[in-house]
mmCIF file of all heavy atoms, coordinates in Angstrom:
data_MODEL
# 
_entry.id   MODEL 
# 
loop_
_atom_site.group_PDB 
_atom_site.id 
_atom_site.type_symbol 
_atom_site.label_atom_id 
_atom_site.label_alt_id 
_atom_site.label_comp_id 
_atom_site.label_asym_id 
_atom_site.label_entity_id 
_atom_site.label_seq_id 
_atom_site.pdbx_PDB_ins_code 
_atom_site.Cartn_x 
_atom_site.Cartn_y 
_atom_site.Cartn_z 
_atom_site.occupancy 
_atom_site.B_iso_or_equiv 
_atom_site.pdbx_formal_charge 
_atom_site.auth_seq_id 
_atom_site.auth_comp_id 
_atom_site.auth_asym_id 
_atom_site.auth_atom_id 
_atom_site.pdbx_PDB_model_num 
ATOM 1   N N   . SER A 1 1  ? 257.266 205.150 -147.705 1.00 0.00 ? 1  SER A N   1 
ATOM 2   C CA  . SER A 1 1  ? 258.305 206.170 -147.858 1.00 0.00 ? 1  SER A CA  1 
ATOM 3   C C   . SER A 1 1  ? 259.646 205.693 -147.297 1.00 0.00 ? 1  SER A C   1 
ATOM 4   O O   . SER A 1 1  ? 260.702 205.902 -147.915 1.00 0.00 ? 1  SER A O   1 
ATOM 5   C CB  . SER A 1 1  ? 257.869 207.459 -147.154 1.00 0.00 ? 1  SER A CB  1 
ATOM 6   O OG  . SER A 1 1  ? 258.875 208.437 -147.199 1.00 0.00 ? 1  SER A OG  1 
ATOM 7   N N   . VAL A 1 2  ? 259.609 205.030 -146.136 1.00 0.00 ? 2  VAL A N   1 
ATOM 8   C CA  . VAL A 1 2  ? 260.832 204.492 -145.550 1.00 0.00 ? 2  VAL A CA  1 
ATOM 9   C C   . VAL A 1 2  ? 261.453 203.456 -146.472 1.00 0.00 ? 2  VAL A C   1 
ATOM 10  O O   . VAL A 1 2  ? 262.674 203.402 -146.644 1.00 0.00 ? 2  VAL A O   1 
ATOM 11  C CB  . VAL A 1 2  ? 260.546 203.885 -144.164 1.00 0.00 ? 2  VAL A CB  1 
ATOM 12  C CG1 . VAL A 1 2  ? 261.735 203.046 -143.677 1.00 0.00 ? 2  VAL A CG1 1 
ATOM 13  C CG2 . VAL A 1 2  ? 260.254 204.993 -143.150 1.00 0.00 ? 2  VAL A CG2 1 
ATOM 14  N N   . GLY A 1 3  ? 260.618 202.623 -147.087 1.00 0.00 ? 3  GLY A N   1 
ATOM 15  C CA  . GLY A 1 3  ? 261.135 201.636 -148.037 1.00 0.00 ? 3  GLY A CA  1 
ATOM 16  C C   . GLY A 1 3  ? 261.900 202.281 -149.176 1.00 0.00 ? 3  GLY A C   1 
ATOM 17  O O   . GLY A 1 3  ? 262.982 201.806 -149.570 1.00 0.00 ? 3  GLY A O   1 
ATOM 18  N N   . LYS A 1 4  ? 261.370 203.387 -149.702 1.00 0.00 ? 4  LYS A N   1 
ATOM 19  C CA  . LYS A 1 4  ? 262.051 204.094 -150.799 1.00 0.00 ? 4  LYS A CA  1 
ATOM 20  C C   . LYS A 1 4  ? 263.355 204.726 -150.318 1.00 0.00 ? 4  LYS A C   1 
ATOM 21  O O   . LYS A 1 4  ? 264.361 204.732 -151.051 1.00 0.00 ? 4  LYS A O   1 
ATOM 22  C CB  . LYS A 1 4  ? 261.118 205.154 -151.374 1.00 0.00 ? 4  LYS A CB  1 
ATOM 23  C CG  . LYS A 1 4  ? 259.926 204.557 -152.113 1.00 0.00 ? 4  LYS A CG  1 
ATOM 24  C CD  . LYS A 1 4  ? 258.985 205.645 -152.634 1.00 0.00 ? 4  LYS A CD  1 
ATOM 25  C CE  . LYS A 1 4  ? 257.806 205.025 -153.378 1.00 0.00 ? 4  LYS A CE  1 
ATOM 26  N NZ  . LYS A 1 4  ? 256.865 206.070 -153.858 1.00 0.00 ? 4  LYS A NZ  1 
ATOM 27  N N   . GLN A 1 5  ? 263.341 205.231 -149.080 1.00 0.00 ? 5  GLN A N   1 
ATOM 28  C CA  . GLN A 1 5  ? 264.563 205.813 -148.533 1.00 0.00 ? 5  GLN A CA  1 
ATOM 29  C C   . GLN A 1 5  ? 265.664 204.754 -148.390 1.00 0.00 ? 5  GLN A C   1 
ATOM 30  O O   . GLN A 1 5  ? 266.833 205.007 -148.715 1.00 0.00 ? 5  GLN A O   1 
ATOM 31  C CB  . GLN A 1 5  ? 264.272 206.439 -147.162 1.00 0.00 ? 5  GLN A CB  1 
ATOM 32  C CG  . GLN A 1 5  ? 263.366 207.653 -147.182 1.00 0.00 ? 5  GLN A CG  1 
ATOM 33  C CD  . GLN A 1 5  ? 262.972 208.080 -145.778 1.00 0.00 ? 5  GLN A CD  1 
ATOM 34  O OE1 . GLN A 1 5  ? 263.719 207.896 -144.815 1.00 0.00 ? 5  GLN A OE1 1 
ATOM 35  N NE2 . GLN A 1 5  ? 261.766 208.633 -145.642 1.00 0.00 ? 5  GLN A NE2 1 
ATOM 36  N N   . VAL A 1 6  ? 265.289 203.578 -147.904 1.00 0.00 ? 6  VAL A N   1 
ATOM 37  C CA  . VAL A 1 6  ? 266.255 202.506 -147.720 1.00 0.00 ? 6  VAL A CA  1 
ATOM 38  C C   . VAL A 1 6  ? 266.780 202.016 -149.073 1.00 0.00 ? 6  VAL A C   1 
ATOM 39  O O   . VAL A 1 6  ? 267.977 201.731 -149.214 1.00 0.00 ? 6  VAL A O   1 
ATOM 40  C CB  . VAL A 1 6  ? 265.616 201.342 -146.917 1.00 0.00 ? 6  VAL A CB  1 
ATOM 41  C CG1 . VAL A 1 6  ? 266.514 200.104 -146.928 1.00 0.00 ? 6  VAL A CG1 1 
ATOM 42  C CG2 . VAL A 1 6  ? 265.350 201.782 -145.476 1.00 0.00 ? 6  VAL A CG2 1 
ATOM 43  N N   . GLU A 1 7  ? 265.913 201.955 -150.060 1.00 0.00 ? 7  GLU A N   1 
ATOM 44  C CA  . GLU A 1 7  ? 266.363 201.589 -151.409 1.00 0.00 ? 7  GLU A CA  1 
ATOM 45  C C   . GLU A 1 7  ? 267.423 202.581 -151.907 1.00 0.00 ? 7  GLU A C   1 
ATOM 46  O O   . GLU A 1 7  ? 268.478 202.180 -152.416 1.00 0.00 ? 7  GLU A O   1 
ATOM 47  C CB  . GLU A 1 7  ? 265.174 201.602 -152.378 1.00 0.00 ? 7  GLU A CB  1 
ATOM 48  C CG  . GLU A 1 7  ? 264.327 200.345 -152.345 1.00 0.00 ? 7  GLU A CG  1 
ATOM 49  C CD  . GLU A 1 7  ? 263.290 200.336 -153.465 1.00 0.00 ? 7  GLU A CD  1 
ATOM 50  O OE1 . GLU A 1 7  ? 262.837 201.428 -153.878 1.00 0.00 ? 7  GLU A OE1 1 
ATOM 51  O OE2 . GLU A 1 7  ? 262.944 199.242 -153.900 1.00 0.00 ? 7  GLU A OE2 1 
ATOM 52  N N   . ALA A 1 8  ? 267.139 203.870 -151.726 1.00 0.00 ? 8  ALA A N   1 
ATOM 53  C CA  . ALA A 1 8  ? 268.045 204.904 -152.241 1.00 0.00 ? 8  ALA A CA  1 
ATOM 54  C C   . ALA A 1 8  ? 269.382 204.913 -151.516 1.00 0.00 ? 8  ALA A C   1 
ATOM 55  O O   . ALA A 1 8  ? 270.438 205.156 -152.127 1.00 0.00 ? 8  ALA A O   1 
ATOM 56  C CB  . ALA A 1 8  ? 267.374 206.278 -152.114 1.00 0.00 ? 8  ALA A CB  1 
ATOM 57  N N   . SER A 1 9  ? 269.356 204.614 -150.209 1.00 0.00 ? 9  SER A N   1 
ATOM 58  C CA  . SER A 1 9  ? 270.590 204.721 -149.424 1.00 0.00 ? 9  SER A CA  1 
ATOM 59  C C   . SER A 1 9  ? 271.436 203.441 -149.416 1.00 0.00 ? 9  SER A C   1 
ATOM 60  O O   . SER A 1 9  ? 272.627 203.509 -149.126 1.00 0.00 ? 9  SER A O   1 
ATOM 61  C CB  . SER A 1 9  ? 270.255 205.112 -147.979 1.00 0.00 ? 9  SER A CB  1 
ATOM 62  O OG  . SER A 1 9  ? 269.475 204.114 -147.349 1.00 0.00 ? 9  SER A OG  1 
ATOM 63  N N   . THR A 1 10 ? 270.818 202.303 -149.734 1.00 0.00 ? 10 THR A N   1 
ATOM 64  C CA  . THR A 1 10 ? 271.559 201.032 -149.628 1.00 0.00 ? 10 THR A CA  1 
ATOM 65  C C   . THR A 1 10 ? 271.778 200.334 -150.959 1.00 0.00 ? 10 THR A C   1 
ATOM 66  O O   . THR A 1 10 ? 272.652 199.472 -151.063 1.00 0.00 ? 10 THR A O   1 
ATOM 67  C CB  . THR A 1 10 ? 270.809 200.045 -148.708 1.00 0.00 ? 10 THR A CB  1 
ATOM 68  O OG1 . THR A 1 10 ? 269.554 199.678 -149.309 1.00 0.00 ? 10 THR A OG1 1 
ATOM 69  C CG2 . THR A 1 10 ? 270.577 200.661 -147.336 1.00 0.00 ? 10 THR A CG2 1 
ATOM 70  N N   . GLY A 1 11 ? 270.986 200.656 -151.961 1.00 0.00 ? 11 GLY A N   1 
ATOM 71  C CA  . GLY A 1 11 ? 271.094 199.946 -153.234 1.00 0.00 ? 11 GLY A CA  1 
ATOM 72  C C   . GLY A 1 11 ? 270.281 198.668 -153.266 1.00 0.00 ? 11 GLY A C   1 
ATOM 73  O O   . GLY A 1 11 ? 270.266 197.957 -154.278 1.00 0.00 ? 11 GLY A O   1 
ATOM 74  N N   . CYS A 1 12 ? 269.595 198.347 -152.166 1.00 0.00 ? 12 CYS A N   1 
ATOM 75  C CA  . CYS A 1 12 ? 268.723 197.171 -152.122 1.00 0.00 ? 12 CYS A CA  1 
ATOM 76  C C   . CYS A 1 12 ? 267.386 197.472 -152.802 1.00 0.00 ? 12 CYS A C   1 
ATOM 77  O O   . CYS A 1 12 ? 267.031 198.628 -153.036 1.00 0.00 ? 12 CYS A O   1 
ATOM 78  C CB  . CYS A 1 12 ? 268.461 196.760 -150.677 1.00 0.00 ? 12 CYS A CB  1 
ATOM 79  S SG  . CYS A 1 12 ? 269.879 196.047 -149.820 1.00 0.00 ? 12 CYS A SG  1 
ATOM 80  N N   . THR A 1 13 ? 266.665 196.412 -153.101 1.00 0.00 ? 13 THR A N   1 
ATOM 81  C CA  . THR A 1 13 ? 265.287 196.536 -153.574 1.00 0.00 ? 13 THR A CA  1 
ATOM 82  C C   . THR A 1 13 ? 264.357 196.189 -152.413 1.00 0.00 ? 13 THR A C   1 
ATOM 83  O O   . THR A 1 13 ? 264.538 195.157 -151.773 1.00 0.00 ? 13 THR A O   1 
ATOM 84  C CB  . THR A 1 13 ? 265.018 195.588 -154.756 1.00 0.00 ? 13 THR A CB  1 
ATOM 85  O OG1 . THR A 1 13 ? 265.887 195.927 -155.831 1.00 0.00 ? 13 THR A OG1 1 
ATOM 86  C CG2 . THR A 1 13 ? 263.573 195.686 -155.214 1.00 0.00 ? 13 THR A CG2 1 
ATOM 87  N N   . VAL A 1 14 ? 263.371 197.040 -152.143 1.00 0.00 ? 14 VAL A N   1 
ATOM 88  C CA  . VAL A 1 14 ? 262.467 196.841 -151.015 1.00 0.00 ? 14 VAL A CA  1 
ATOM 89  C C   . VAL A 1 14 ? 261.052 196.624 -151.538 1.00 0.00 ? 14 VAL A C   1 
ATOM 90  O O   . VAL A 1 14 ? 260.505 197.444 -152.279 1.00 0.00 ? 14 VAL A O   1 
ATOM 91  C CB  . VAL A 1 14 ? 262.474 198.049 -150.056 1.00 0.00 ? 14 VAL A CB  1 
ATOM 92  C CG1 . VAL A 1 14 ? 261.497 197.827 -148.901 1.00 0.00 ? 14 VAL A CG1 1 
ATOM 93  C CG2 . VAL A 1 14 ? 263.886 198.307 -149.533 1.00 0.00 ? 14 VAL A CG2 1 
ATOM 94  N N   . SER A 1 15 ? 260.467 195.487 -151.174 1.00 0.00 ? 15 SER A N   1 
ATOM 95  C CA  . SER A 1 15 ? 259.091 195.155 -151.553 1.00 0.00 ? 15 SER A CA  1 
ATOM 96  C C   . SER A 1 15 ? 258.231 195.095 -150.291 1.00 0.00 ? 15 SER A C   1 
ATOM 97  O O   . SER A 1 15 ? 258.580 194.401 -149.328 1.00 0.00 ? 15 SER A O   1 
ATOM 98  C CB  . SER A 1 15 ? 259.064 193.795 -152.277 1.00 0.00 ? 15 SER A CB  1 
ATOM 99  O OG  . SER A 1 15 ? 257.735 193.388 -152.531 1.00 0.00 ? 15 SER A OG  1 
ATOM 100 N N   . ILE A 1 16 ? 257.102 195.818 -150.290 1.00 0.00 ? 16 ILE A N   1 
ATOM 101 C CA  . ILE A 1 16 ? 256.257 195.907 -149.098 1.00 0.00 ? 16 ILE A CA  1 
ATOM 102 C C   . ILE A 1 16 ? 254.837 195.480 -149.447 1.00 0.00 ? 16 ILE A C   1 
ATOM 103 O O   . ILE A 1 16 ? 254.253 195.949 -150.434 1.00 0.00 ? 16 ILE A O   1 
ATOM 104 C CB  . ILE A 1 16 ? 256.238 197.346 -148.542 1.00 0.00 ? 16 ILE A CB  1 
ATOM 105 C CG1 . ILE A 1 16 ? 257.649 197.790 -148.154 1.00 0.00 ? 16 ILE A CG1 1 
ATOM 106 C CG2 . ILE A 1 16 ? 255.302 197.441 -147.337 1.00 0.00 ? 16 ILE A CG2 1 
ATOM 107 C CD1 . ILE A 1 16 ? 257.744 199.252 -147.782 1.00 0.00 ? 16 ILE A CD1 1 
ATOM 108 N N   . TYR A 1 17 ? 254.279 194.585 -148.619 1.00 0.00 ? 17 TYR A N   1 
ATOM 109 C CA  . TYR A 1 17 ? 252.893 194.166 -148.763 1.00 0.00 ? 17 TYR A CA  1 
ATOM 110 C C   . TYR A 1 17 ? 252.135 194.563 -147.502 1.00 0.00 ? 17 TYR A C   1 
ATOM 111 O O   . TYR A 1 17 ? 252.584 194.277 -146.383 1.00 0.00 ? 17 TYR A O   1 
ATOM 112 C CB  . TYR A 1 17 ? 252.778 192.651 -148.961 1.00 0.00 ? 17 TYR A CB  1 
ATOM 113 C CG  . TYR A 1 17 ? 251.377 192.130 -148.741 1.00 0.00 ? 17 TYR A CG  1 
ATOM 114 C CD1 . TYR A 1 17 ? 250.426 192.214 -149.754 1.00 0.00 ? 17 TYR A CD1 1 
ATOM 115 C CD2 . TYR A 1 17 ? 250.996 191.577 -147.519 1.00 0.00 ? 17 TYR A CD2 1 
ATOM 116 C CE1 . TYR A 1 17 ? 249.125 191.763 -149.556 1.00 0.00 ? 17 TYR A CE1 1 
ATOM 117 C CE2 . TYR A 1 17 ? 249.689 191.124 -147.307 1.00 0.00 ? 17 TYR A CE2 1 
ATOM 118 C CZ  . TYR A 1 17 ? 248.762 191.214 -148.330 1.00 0.00 ? 17 TYR A CZ  1 
ATOM 119 O OH  . TYR A 1 17 ? 247.482 190.768 -148.124 1.00 0.00 ? 17 TYR A OH  1 
ATOM 120 N N   . MET A 1 18 ? 250.985 195.219 -147.679 1.00 0.00 ? 18 MET A N   1 
ATOM 121 C CA  . MET A 1 18 ? 250.110 195.548 -146.551 1.00 0.00 ? 18 MET A CA  1 
ATOM 122 C C   . MET A 1 18 ? 248.667 195.307 -146.972 1.00 0.00 ? 18 MET A C   1 
ATOM 123 O O   . MET A 1 18 ? 248.239 195.787 -148.035 1.00 0.00 ? 18 MET A O   1 
ATOM 124 C CB  . MET A 1 18 ? 250.298 197.010 -146.122 1.00 0.00 ? 18 MET A CB  1 
ATOM 125 C CG  . MET A 1 18 ? 251.643 197.319 -145.493 1.00 0.00 ? 18 MET A CG  1 
ATOM 126 S SD  . MET A 1 18 ? 251.817 199.049 -144.989 1.00 0.00 ? 18 MET A SD  1 
ATOM 127 C CE  . MET A 1 18 ? 252.112 199.841 -146.584 1.00 0.00 ? 18 MET A CE  1 
ATOM 128 N N   . ASN A 1 19 ? 247.915 194.558 -146.165 1.00 0.00 ? 19 ASN A N   1 
ATOM 129 C CA  . ASN A 1 19 ? 246.503 194.337 -146.476 1.00 0.00 ? 19 ASN A CA  1 
ATOM 130 C C   . ASN A 1 19 ? 245.638 195.396 -145.787 1.00 0.00 ? 19 ASN A C   1 
ATOM 131 O O   . ASN A 1 19 ? 246.123 196.192 -144.999 1.00 0.00 ? 19 ASN A O   1 
ATOM 132 C CB  . ASN A 1 19 ? 246.072 192.917 -146.102 1.00 0.00 ? 19 ASN A CB  1 
ATOM 133 C CG  . ASN A 1 19 ? 246.127 192.676 -144.595 1.00 0.00 ? 19 ASN A CG  1 
ATOM 134 O OD1 . ASN A 1 19 ? 246.501 193.533 -143.815 1.00 0.00 ? 19 ASN A OD1 1 
ATOM 135 N ND2 . ASN A 1 19 ? 245.740 191.478 -144.185 1.00 0.00 ? 19 ASN A ND2 1 
ATOM 136 N N   . GLU A 1 20 ? 244.357 195.375 -146.082 1.00 0.00 ? 20 GLU A N   1 
ATOM 137 C CA  . GLU A 1 20 ? 243.433 196.352 -145.496 1.00 0.00 ? 20 GLU A CA  1 
ATOM 138 C C   . GLU A 1 20 ? 242.992 195.934 -144.094 1.00 0.00 ? 20 GLU A C   1 
ATOM 139 O O   . GLU A 1 20 ? 242.769 196.766 -143.230 1.00 0.00 ? 20 GLU A O   1 
ATOM 140 C CB  . GLU A 1 20 ? 242.204 196.533 -146.391 1.00 0.00 ? 20 GLU A CB  1 
ATOM 141 C CG  . GLU A 1 20 ? 242.488 197.337 -147.647 1.00 0.00 ? 20 GLU A CG  1 
ATOM 142 C CD  . GLU A 1 20 ? 242.835 198.794 -147.355 1.00 0.00 ? 20 GLU A CD  1 
ATOM 143 O OE1 . GLU A 1 20 ? 242.212 199.394 -146.469 1.00 0.00 ? 20 GLU A OE1 1 
ATOM 144 O OE2 . GLU A 1 20 ? 243.746 199.313 -148.010 1.00 0.00 ? 20 GLU A OE2 1 
ATOM 145 N N   . GLY A 1 21 ? 242.853 194.623 -143.857 1.00 0.00 ? 21 GLY A N   1 
ATOM 146 C CA  . GLY A 1 21 ? 242.437 194.138 -142.546 1.00 0.00 ? 21 GLY A CA  1 
ATOM 147 C C   . GLY A 1 21 ? 241.008 194.531 -142.202 1.00 0.00 ? 21 GLY A C   1 
ATOM 148 O O   . GLY A 1 21 ? 240.264 195.063 -143.033 1.00 0.00 ? 21 GLY A O   1 
ATOM 149 N N   . TYR A 1 22 ? 240.610 194.262 -140.959 1.00 0.00 ? 22 TYR A N   1 
ATOM 150 C CA  . TYR A 1 22 ? 239.289 194.675 -140.477 1.00 0.00 ? 22 TYR A CA  1 
ATOM 151 C C   . TYR A 1 22 ? 239.348 196.143 -140.066 1.00 0.00 ? 22 TYR A C   1 
ATOM 152 O O   . TYR A 1 22 ? 240.362 196.611 -139.547 1.00 0.00 ? 22 TYR A O   1 
ATOM 153 C CB  . TYR A 1 22 ? 238.873 193.869 -139.243 1.00 0.00 ? 22 TYR A CB  1 
ATOM 154 C CG  . TYR A 1 22 ? 238.646 192.390 -139.455 1.00 0.00 ? 22 TYR A CG  1 
ATOM 155 C CD1 . TYR A 1 22 ? 238.556 191.519 -138.380 1.00 0.00 ? 22 TYR A CD1 1 
ATOM 156 C CD2 . TYR A 1 22 ? 238.509 191.855 -140.736 1.00 0.00 ? 22 TYR A CD2 1 
ATOM 157 C CE1 . TYR A 1 22 ? 238.340 190.163 -138.548 1.00 0.00 ? 22 TYR A CE1 1 
ATOM 158 C CE2 . TYR A 1 22 ? 238.302 190.497 -140.919 1.00 0.00 ? 22 TYR A CE2 1 
ATOM 159 C CZ  . TYR A 1 22 ? 238.212 189.649 -139.828 1.00 0.00 ? 22 TYR A CZ  1 
ATOM 160 O OH  . TYR A 1 22 ? 237.998 188.314 -140.003 1.00 0.00 ? 22 TYR A OH  1 
ATOM 161 N N   . PRO A 1 23 ? 238.257 196.887 -140.247 1.00 0.00 ? 23 PRO A N   1 
ATOM 162 C CA  . PRO A 1 23 ? 238.210 198.248 -139.696 1.00 0.00 ? 23 PRO A CA  1 
ATOM 163 C C   . PRO A 1 23 ? 238.240 198.207 -138.171 1.00 0.00 ? 23 PRO A C   1 
ATOM 164 O O   . PRO A 1 23 ? 238.103 197.143 -137.554 1.00 0.00 ? 23 PRO A O   1 
ATOM 165 C CB  . PRO A 1 23 ? 236.865 198.789 -140.208 1.00 0.00 ? 23 PRO A CB  1 
ATOM 166 C CG  . PRO A 1 23 ? 236.433 197.861 -141.296 1.00 0.00 ? 23 PRO A CG  1 
ATOM 167 C CD  . PRO A 1 23 ? 237.030 196.531 -140.977 1.00 0.00 ? 23 PRO A CD  1 
ATOM 168 N N   . ALA A 1 24 ? 238.397 199.362 -137.562 1.00 0.00 ? 24 ALA A N   1 
ATOM 169 C CA  . ALA A 1 24 ? 238.364 199.446 -136.098 1.00 0.00 ? 24 ALA A CA  1 
ATOM 170 C C   . ALA A 1 24 ? 236.924 199.357 -135.588 1.00 0.00 ? 24 ALA A C   1 
ATOM 171 O O   . ALA A 1 24 ? 235.993 199.827 -136.243 1.00 0.00 ? 24 ALA A O   1 
ATOM 172 C CB  . ALA A 1 24 ? 238.987 200.756 -135.638 1.00 0.00 ? 24 ALA A CB  1 
ATOM 173 N N   . VAL A 1 25 ? 236.750 198.741 -134.428 1.00 0.00 ? 25 VAL A N   1 
ATOM 174 C CA  . VAL A 1 25 ? 235.461 198.756 -133.740 1.00 0.00 ? 25 VAL A CA  1 
ATOM 175 C C   . VAL A 1 25 ? 235.357 200.098 -133.016 1.00 0.00 ? 25 VAL A C   1 
ATOM 176 O O   . VAL A 1 25 ? 236.107 200.360 -132.070 1.00 0.00 ? 25 VAL A O   1 
ATOM 177 C CB  . VAL A 1 25 ? 235.333 197.586 -132.745 1.00 0.00 ? 25 VAL A CB  1 
ATOM 178 C CG1 . VAL A 1 25 ? 234.046 197.711 -131.938 1.00 0.00 ? 25 VAL A CG1 1 
ATOM 179 C CG2 . VAL A 1 25 ? 235.378 196.256 -133.477 1.00 0.00 ? 25 VAL A CG2 1 
ATOM 180 N N   . MET A 1 26 ? 234.467 200.945 -133.485 1.00 0.00 ? 26 MET A N   1 
ATOM 181 C CA  . MET A 1 26 ? 234.272 202.279 -132.932 1.00 0.00 ? 26 MET A CA  1 
ATOM 182 C C   . MET A 1 26 ? 232.826 202.406 -132.466 1.00 0.00 ? 26 MET A C   1 
ATOM 183 O O   . MET A 1 26 ? 231.899 202.377 -133.285 1.00 0.00 ? 26 MET A O   1 
ATOM 184 C CB  . MET A 1 26 ? 234.582 203.341 -133.992 1.00 0.00 ? 26 MET A CB  1 
ATOM 185 C CG  . MET A 1 26 ? 236.003 203.302 -134.533 1.00 0.00 ? 26 MET A CG  1 
ATOM 186 S SD  . MET A 1 26 ? 237.222 203.996 -133.399 1.00 0.00 ? 26 MET A SD  1 
ATOM 187 C CE  . MET A 1 26 ? 236.854 205.748 -133.543 1.00 0.00 ? 26 MET A CE  1 
ATOM 188 N N   . ASN A 1 27 ? 232.621 202.528 -131.176 1.00 0.00 ? 27 ASN A N   1 
ATOM 189 C CA  . ASN A 1 27 ? 231.270 202.659 -130.635 1.00 0.00 ? 27 ASN A CA  1 
ATOM 190 C C   . ASN A 1 27 ? 230.780 204.100 -130.807 1.00 0.00 ? 27 ASN A C   1 
ATOM 191 O O   . ASN A 1 27 ? 231.340 205.012 -130.184 1.00 0.00 ? 27 ASN A O   1 
ATOM 192 C CB  . ASN A 1 27 ? 231.244 202.278 -129.153 1.00 0.00 ? 27 ASN A CB  1 
ATOM 193 C CG  . ASN A 1 27 ? 231.382 200.783 -128.938 1.00 0.00 ? 27 ASN A CG  1 
ATOM 194 O OD1 . ASN A 1 27 ? 230.975 199.978 -129.775 1.00 0.00 ? 27 ASN A OD1 1 
ATOM 195 N ND2 . ASN A 1 27 ? 231.961 200.393 -127.807 1.00 0.00 ? 27 ASN A ND2 1 
ATOM 196 N N   . PRO A 1 28 ? 229.779 204.316 -131.642 1.00 0.00 ? 28 PRO A N   1 
ATOM 197 C CA  . PRO A 1 28 ? 229.328 205.700 -131.912 1.00 0.00 ? 28 PRO A CA  1 
ATOM 198 C C   . PRO A 1 28 ? 228.831 206.391 -130.650 1.00 0.00 ? 28 PRO A C   1 
ATOM 199 O O   . PRO A 1 28 ? 228.045 205.822 -129.876 1.00 0.00 ? 28 PRO A O   1 
ATOM 200 C CB  . PRO A 1 28 ? 228.211 205.513 -132.944 1.00 0.00 ? 28 PRO A CB  1 
ATOM 201 C CG  . PRO A 1 28 ? 227.773 204.093 -132.798 1.00 0.00 ? 28 PRO A CG  1 
ATOM 202 C CD  . PRO A 1 28 ? 228.973 203.318 -132.361 1.00 0.00 ? 28 PRO A CD  1 
ATOM 203 N N   . GLY A 1 29 ? 229.277 207.622 -130.440 1.00 0.00 ? 29 GLY A N   1 
ATOM 204 C CA  . GLY A 1 29 ? 228.979 208.343 -129.218 1.00 0.00 ? 29 GLY A CA  1 
ATOM 205 C C   . GLY A 1 29 ? 227.495 208.496 -128.943 1.00 0.00 ? 29 GLY A C   1 
ATOM 206 O O   . GLY A 1 29 ? 227.043 208.360 -127.800 1.00 0.00 ? 29 GLY A O   1 
# 
């Protein structure tokens, strides 16, 4: 969403890459 806001306010093109990564280590209660 921030990328789209910056595009709209500056005239730049914003490209964002995010991977999934490893899940969190969560010790079940």
